[in-house]
Structures are given as structure tokens and as C-alpha cells.
N, C-alpha and C. Protein backbone atom coordinates (compact mmCIF):
# COMPACT_ATOMS: atom_id res chain seq x y z
N MET A 1 0.85 -1.18 0.00
CA MET A 1 0.00 0.00 0.00
C MET A 1 0.89 1.24 0.00
N GLY A 2 0.54 2.20 -0.83
CA GLY A 2 1.31 3.42 -0.92
C GLY A 2 0.68 4.55 -0.14
N GLU A 3 1.44 5.61 0.03
CA GLU A 3 0.94 6.84 0.64
C GLU A 3 1.03 7.92 -0.42
N TRP A 4 -0.12 8.48 -0.75
CA TRP A 4 -0.23 9.42 -1.87
C TRP A 4 -0.60 10.81 -1.38
N LYS A 5 -0.07 11.82 -2.06
CA LYS A 5 -0.35 13.21 -1.69
C LYS A 5 -0.72 13.98 -2.96
N CYS A 6 -1.83 14.70 -2.89
CA CYS A 6 -2.29 15.53 -4.02
C CYS A 6 -1.34 16.71 -4.20
N LYS A 7 -0.87 16.91 -5.43
CA LYS A 7 0.05 18.02 -5.70
C LYS A 7 -0.65 19.37 -5.64
N ASP A 8 -1.97 19.39 -5.79
CA ASP A 8 -2.69 20.66 -5.79
C ASP A 8 -3.04 21.13 -4.38
N CYS A 9 -3.70 20.26 -3.60
CA CYS A 9 -4.20 20.72 -2.30
C CYS A 9 -3.46 20.10 -1.11
N GLY A 10 -2.62 19.08 -1.36
CA GLY A 10 -1.86 18.48 -0.27
C GLY A 10 -2.58 17.37 0.48
N PHE A 11 -3.76 16.99 0.03
CA PHE A 11 -4.51 15.92 0.67
C PHE A 11 -3.71 14.63 0.58
N ALA A 12 -3.61 13.90 1.68
CA ALA A 12 -2.85 12.65 1.71
C ALA A 12 -3.77 11.48 2.04
N LEU A 13 -3.50 10.32 1.42
CA LEU A 13 -4.28 9.13 1.70
C LEU A 13 -3.42 7.90 1.47
N LYS A 14 -3.83 6.80 2.10
CA LYS A 14 -3.16 5.51 1.91
C LYS A 14 -4.04 4.66 1.01
N ALA A 15 -3.45 4.15 -0.07
CA ALA A 15 -4.19 3.31 -1.01
C ALA A 15 -3.18 2.57 -1.88
N ASP A 16 -3.65 1.50 -2.53
CA ASP A 16 -2.79 0.77 -3.46
C ASP A 16 -2.45 1.64 -4.66
N MET A 17 -3.45 2.35 -5.18
CA MET A 17 -3.28 3.26 -6.31
C MET A 17 -4.02 4.55 -5.98
N PRO A 18 -3.53 5.69 -6.45
CA PRO A 18 -4.24 6.94 -6.18
C PRO A 18 -5.53 7.03 -6.98
N PRO A 19 -6.51 7.75 -6.47
CA PRO A 19 -7.77 7.91 -7.21
C PRO A 19 -7.57 8.84 -8.41
N GLU A 20 -8.49 8.79 -9.35
CA GLU A 20 -8.41 9.69 -10.50
C GLU A 20 -8.81 11.11 -10.11
N GLU A 21 -9.72 11.22 -9.15
CA GLU A 21 -10.18 12.53 -8.67
C GLU A 21 -9.85 12.65 -7.19
N CYS A 22 -9.29 13.77 -6.79
CA CYS A 22 -8.94 13.99 -5.39
C CYS A 22 -10.21 14.07 -4.55
N PRO A 23 -10.29 13.30 -3.47
CA PRO A 23 -11.47 13.34 -2.60
C PRO A 23 -11.64 14.68 -1.88
N SER A 24 -10.56 15.44 -1.76
CA SER A 24 -10.63 16.71 -1.04
C SER A 24 -11.02 17.88 -1.95
N CYS A 25 -10.25 18.11 -3.02
CA CYS A 25 -10.52 19.27 -3.86
C CYS A 25 -11.40 18.95 -5.08
N LYS A 26 -11.75 17.66 -5.25
CA LYS A 26 -12.65 17.20 -6.30
C LYS A 26 -12.16 17.49 -7.72
N LYS A 27 -10.83 17.61 -7.90
CA LYS A 27 -10.25 17.85 -9.21
C LYS A 27 -9.47 16.62 -9.66
N LYS A 28 -9.19 16.54 -10.95
CA LYS A 28 -8.30 15.50 -11.46
C LYS A 28 -6.88 16.02 -11.20
N CYS A 29 -6.25 15.52 -10.15
CA CYS A 29 -4.95 16.01 -9.74
C CYS A 29 -3.89 14.94 -9.94
N GLU A 30 -2.66 15.39 -9.95
CA GLU A 30 -1.54 14.46 -9.96
C GLU A 30 -1.23 14.10 -8.52
N PHE A 31 -1.08 12.81 -8.24
CA PHE A 31 -0.74 12.34 -6.91
C PHE A 31 0.71 11.88 -6.89
N VAL A 32 1.43 12.22 -5.82
CA VAL A 32 2.83 11.85 -5.65
C VAL A 32 2.90 10.79 -4.56
N ASP A 33 3.68 9.74 -4.81
CA ASP A 33 3.88 8.69 -3.81
C ASP A 33 4.87 9.22 -2.78
N VAL A 34 4.40 9.44 -1.56
CA VAL A 34 5.26 9.98 -0.50
C VAL A 34 5.64 8.91 0.52
N ALA A 35 5.40 7.63 0.19
CA ALA A 35 5.83 6.55 1.07
C ALA A 35 7.36 6.58 1.12
N CYS A 36 7.89 6.33 2.27
CA CYS A 36 9.34 6.41 2.45
C CYS A 36 9.86 5.13 3.08
N TYR A 37 10.95 4.66 2.56
CA TYR A 37 11.52 3.41 3.04
C TYR A 37 12.95 3.59 3.53
N ILE A 38 13.34 4.83 3.80
CA ILE A 38 14.69 5.07 4.31
C ILE A 38 14.61 5.58 5.75
N PRO A 39 15.62 5.32 6.56
CA PRO A 39 15.58 5.73 7.98
C PRO A 39 15.43 7.24 8.19
N ASP A 40 15.80 8.06 7.22
CA ASP A 40 15.71 9.52 7.37
C ASP A 40 14.28 9.99 7.63
N CYS A 41 13.29 9.19 7.26
CA CYS A 41 11.89 9.59 7.43
C CYS A 41 11.36 9.30 8.83
N GLY A 42 12.16 8.66 9.65
CA GLY A 42 11.69 8.32 10.98
C GLY A 42 10.71 7.17 10.91
N LYS A 43 9.81 7.11 11.86
CA LYS A 43 8.89 5.98 11.94
C LYS A 43 7.53 6.26 11.33
N THR A 44 7.37 7.40 10.68
CA THR A 44 6.07 7.75 10.12
C THR A 44 5.75 6.97 8.86
N GLY A 45 6.78 6.58 8.10
CA GLY A 45 6.54 5.91 6.84
C GLY A 45 6.21 6.88 5.72
N GLN A 46 6.20 8.18 6.03
CA GLN A 46 5.88 9.19 5.03
C GLN A 46 7.02 10.20 4.97
N ASP A 47 7.46 10.52 3.78
CA ASP A 47 8.53 11.50 3.60
C ASP A 47 7.96 12.90 3.64
N THR A 48 8.17 13.61 4.73
CA THR A 48 7.59 14.95 4.89
C THR A 48 8.28 15.99 4.00
N ARG A 49 9.38 15.60 3.37
CA ARG A 49 10.07 16.53 2.47
C ARG A 49 9.35 16.67 1.14
N LEU A 50 8.39 15.78 0.88
CA LEU A 50 7.64 15.84 -0.39
C LEU A 50 6.31 16.51 -0.19
């Protein structure tokens, strides 16, 4: 399961694949996978730098 963040409004969600329409801003947005697998991210599992 990935962690996705909307590039337009910043809405984040966990899903296998991002939706076609953002549930928050209701637009067709580009989603960025912000799941992190390196120790620099701490224990959150999400890269806050993205």
C-alpha cells in the first residue's frame, strides 16, 4: 500500500493506487507517492520533504 499526496491541495491518503479525482478538492490532480523506506523519514513511513 502506498501513501499518496495531491500536488494541488496536499490531501494525503493511503491506497494501493491513487484515485483519478482527489477526494478533497474534487479535481483531477496528480498524486505523488510519498511513502518512504529510508531511515531519514523516521517511523512515520511518510517522507515529509515531499
